[in-house]
Protein backbone atom coordinates (compact mmCIF):
# COMPACT_ATOMS: atom_id res chain seq x y z
CA UNK A 1 61.81 130.11 75.30
CA UNK A 2 62.93 129.78 78.89
CA UNK A 3 62.57 132.60 81.42
CA UNK A 4 65.38 133.34 83.85
CA UNK A 5 64.07 135.71 86.50
CA UNK A 6 66.18 138.46 88.00
CA UNK A 7 65.11 140.95 90.66
CA UNK A 8 63.31 144.08 89.48
CA UNK A 9 65.87 146.84 89.07
CA UNK A 10 64.69 150.35 88.28
CA UNK A 11 67.24 151.93 85.99
CA UNK A 12 67.32 155.68 85.44
CA UNK A 13 66.47 157.00 82.03
CA UNK A 14 68.66 157.74 80.34
CA UNK A 15 70.83 154.98 81.79
CA UNK A 16 73.84 157.29 82.12
CA UNK A 17 71.93 159.48 84.58
CA UNK A 18 72.70 157.01 87.40
CA UNK A 19 75.63 154.83 86.43
CA UNK A 20 75.67 153.07 89.83
CA UNK A 21 72.20 151.63 89.14
CA UNK A 22 73.39 150.54 85.71
CA UNK A 23 76.45 148.87 87.25
CA UNK A 24 74.28 147.07 89.82
CA UNK A 25 71.97 145.83 87.06
CA UNK A 26 74.90 144.54 85.01
CA UNK A 27 76.40 142.83 88.06
CA UNK A 28 73.06 141.06 88.68
CA UNK A 29 72.89 139.97 85.04
CA UNK A 30 76.50 138.78 85.07
CA UNK A 31 75.96 136.61 88.15
CA UNK A 32 73.11 134.82 86.38
CA UNK A 33 74.81 134.67 83.00
CA UNK A 34 78.35 133.59 83.90
CA UNK A 35 77.52 129.98 84.88
CA UNK A 36 75.51 129.61 81.66
CA UNK A 37 78.05 131.02 79.21
CA UNK A 38 81.28 129.94 80.90
CA UNK A 39 84.28 131.06 78.86
CA UNK A 40 82.47 131.10 75.52
CA UNK A 41 82.83 133.84 72.94
CA UNK A 42 80.02 136.35 73.37
CA UNK A 43 78.40 138.81 70.97
CA UNK A 44 76.53 141.62 72.69
CA UNK A 45 73.97 143.30 70.43
CA UNK A 46 72.81 146.74 71.57
CA UNK A 47 71.16 149.91 70.24
CA UNK A 48 71.17 153.51 71.39
CA UNK A 49 73.15 155.16 74.16
CA UNK A 50 71.56 153.13 76.96
CA UNK A 51 72.37 149.89 75.16
CA UNK A 52 75.93 151.05 74.49
CA UNK A 53 76.49 151.88 78.17
CA UNK A 54 75.03 148.60 79.40
CA UNK A 55 76.91 146.66 76.71
CA UNK A 56 80.24 148.20 77.71
CA UNK A 57 79.63 147.47 81.39
CA UNK A 58 78.66 143.84 80.70
CA UNK A 59 81.53 143.33 78.25
CA UNK A 60 83.94 144.53 80.94
CA UNK A 61 82.55 141.87 83.31
CA UNK A 62 82.64 139.09 80.69
CA UNK A 63 86.17 139.91 79.55
CA UNK A 64 88.10 139.71 76.33
CA UNK A 65 85.81 137.14 74.69
CA UNK A 66 82.97 139.70 74.43
CA UNK A 67 82.37 141.81 71.34
CA UNK A 68 79.86 144.67 71.24
CA UNK A 69 77.76 145.20 68.12
CA UNK A 70 76.01 148.58 68.20
CA UNK A 71 73.05 148.62 65.82
CA UNK A 72 72.50 152.19 64.63
CA UNK A 73 69.16 153.97 64.74
CA UNK A 74 67.63 155.34 61.52
CA UNK A 75 69.74 158.21 60.19
CA UNK A 76 72.60 157.66 62.65
CA UNK A 77 75.91 157.57 60.82
CA UNK A 78 78.56 158.01 63.52
CA UNK A 79 81.36 155.46 63.59
CA UNK A 80 79.86 153.40 60.76
CA UNK A 81 82.26 150.51 60.58
CA UNK A 82 80.14 147.41 60.32
CA UNK A 83 79.94 144.63 62.86
CA UNK A 84 82.63 142.51 64.42
CA UNK A 85 81.29 139.37 65.98
CA UNK A 86 82.33 135.85 66.84
CA UNK A 87 80.69 133.46 64.38
CA UNK A 88 80.74 130.76 67.06
CA UNK A 89 79.72 133.15 69.84
CA UNK A 90 76.71 133.26 72.10
CA UNK A 91 74.45 136.06 70.87
CA UNK A 92 72.92 138.32 73.50
CA UNK A 93 70.56 141.22 72.90
CA UNK A 94 70.91 143.60 75.84
CA UNK A 95 68.68 146.59 76.56
CA UNK A 96 67.33 148.51 79.52
CA UNK A 97 63.62 147.68 79.05
CA UNK A 98 61.19 146.73 76.29
CA UNK A 99 58.05 148.77 75.69
CA UNK A 100 56.85 147.91 72.17
CA UNK A 101 59.68 145.63 71.07
CA UNK A 102 60.79 147.95 68.23
CA UNK A 103 64.40 148.33 69.41
CA UNK A 104 65.08 144.63 69.94
CA UNK A 105 63.25 143.72 66.73
CA UNK A 106 65.54 146.11 64.78
CA UNK A 107 68.56 144.49 66.40
CA UNK A 108 67.18 141.09 65.42
CA UNK A 109 66.84 142.22 61.78
CA UNK A 110 70.55 143.07 61.71
CA UNK A 111 71.42 139.77 63.35
CA UNK A 112 69.43 137.86 60.73
CA UNK A 113 71.50 139.45 57.96
CA UNK A 114 74.45 137.68 59.57
CA UNK A 115 72.61 134.41 60.26
CA UNK A 116 72.93 134.97 64.01
CA UNK A 117 70.35 133.46 66.36
CA UNK A 118 69.23 135.13 69.58
CA UNK A 119 70.46 132.99 72.44
CA UNK A 120 69.65 135.47 75.23
CA UNK A 121 67.42 138.52 75.44
CA UNK A 122 68.30 140.47 78.58
CA UNK A 123 66.23 143.41 79.84
CA UNK A 124 65.11 144.78 83.19
CA UNK A 125 61.40 144.73 82.38
CA UNK A 126 58.84 144.20 79.66
CA UNK A 127 55.71 146.24 79.31
CA UNK A 128 52.20 145.15 78.41
CA UNK A 129 51.81 143.56 74.97
CA UNK A 130 55.46 143.55 74.01
CA UNK A 131 55.71 141.82 70.63
CA UNK A 132 58.85 140.14 69.42
CA UNK A 133 59.62 139.08 65.85
CA UNK A 134 61.80 136.29 67.17
CA UNK A 135 61.96 133.75 69.96
CA UNK A 136 65.15 133.84 72.02
CA UNK A 137 66.33 130.64 73.65
CA UNK A 138 66.37 132.46 77.01
CA UNK A 139 64.82 135.67 78.20
CA UNK A 140 66.40 137.21 81.30
CA UNK A 141 64.18 139.78 83.01
CA UNK A 142 62.15 140.45 86.12
CA UNK A 143 58.69 139.02 86.82
CA UNK A 144 57.15 141.13 84.01
CA UNK A 145 57.75 138.16 81.68
CA UNK A 146 54.00 137.51 81.53
CA UNK A 147 53.62 140.86 79.70
CA UNK A 148 55.26 139.31 76.66
CA UNK A 149 52.62 138.63 74.07
CA UNK A 150 52.27 134.87 73.92
CA UNK A 151 52.19 135.14 70.15
CA UNK A 152 55.62 135.65 68.67
CA UNK A 153 55.18 137.51 65.38
CA UNK A 154 56.35 135.57 62.36
């Protein structure tokens, strides 16, 4: 797993409370990501309202080759239509921050059902003892990377 550091950006919670901060965060992420992904097909994997907002903003920057896959929370049934993703696409999990790792691990479970690997995990920050059930090829976040538990759960 390679770490790509971005500046620390404090997003509001919920993300929609200050959309300008969210837009600035996405612009920062896009500047780092664009040279790496080029014109490839992209699958954005998100969860919750914050993920949906950030996913839409990033998809707008990437363009027509981006597809958003919104993984529902337990009991959420709105707009149940399955997933639409590019089989040959770069898979990106995007979220505002990671505390325990539960949200991104749930996204990963859905990705595994579709045999999709995690190419990029993009968040603003990680918090102490974050545990992941997967190892992304790249993790894009601020200097809190060292908070990631060195042991990736199997």
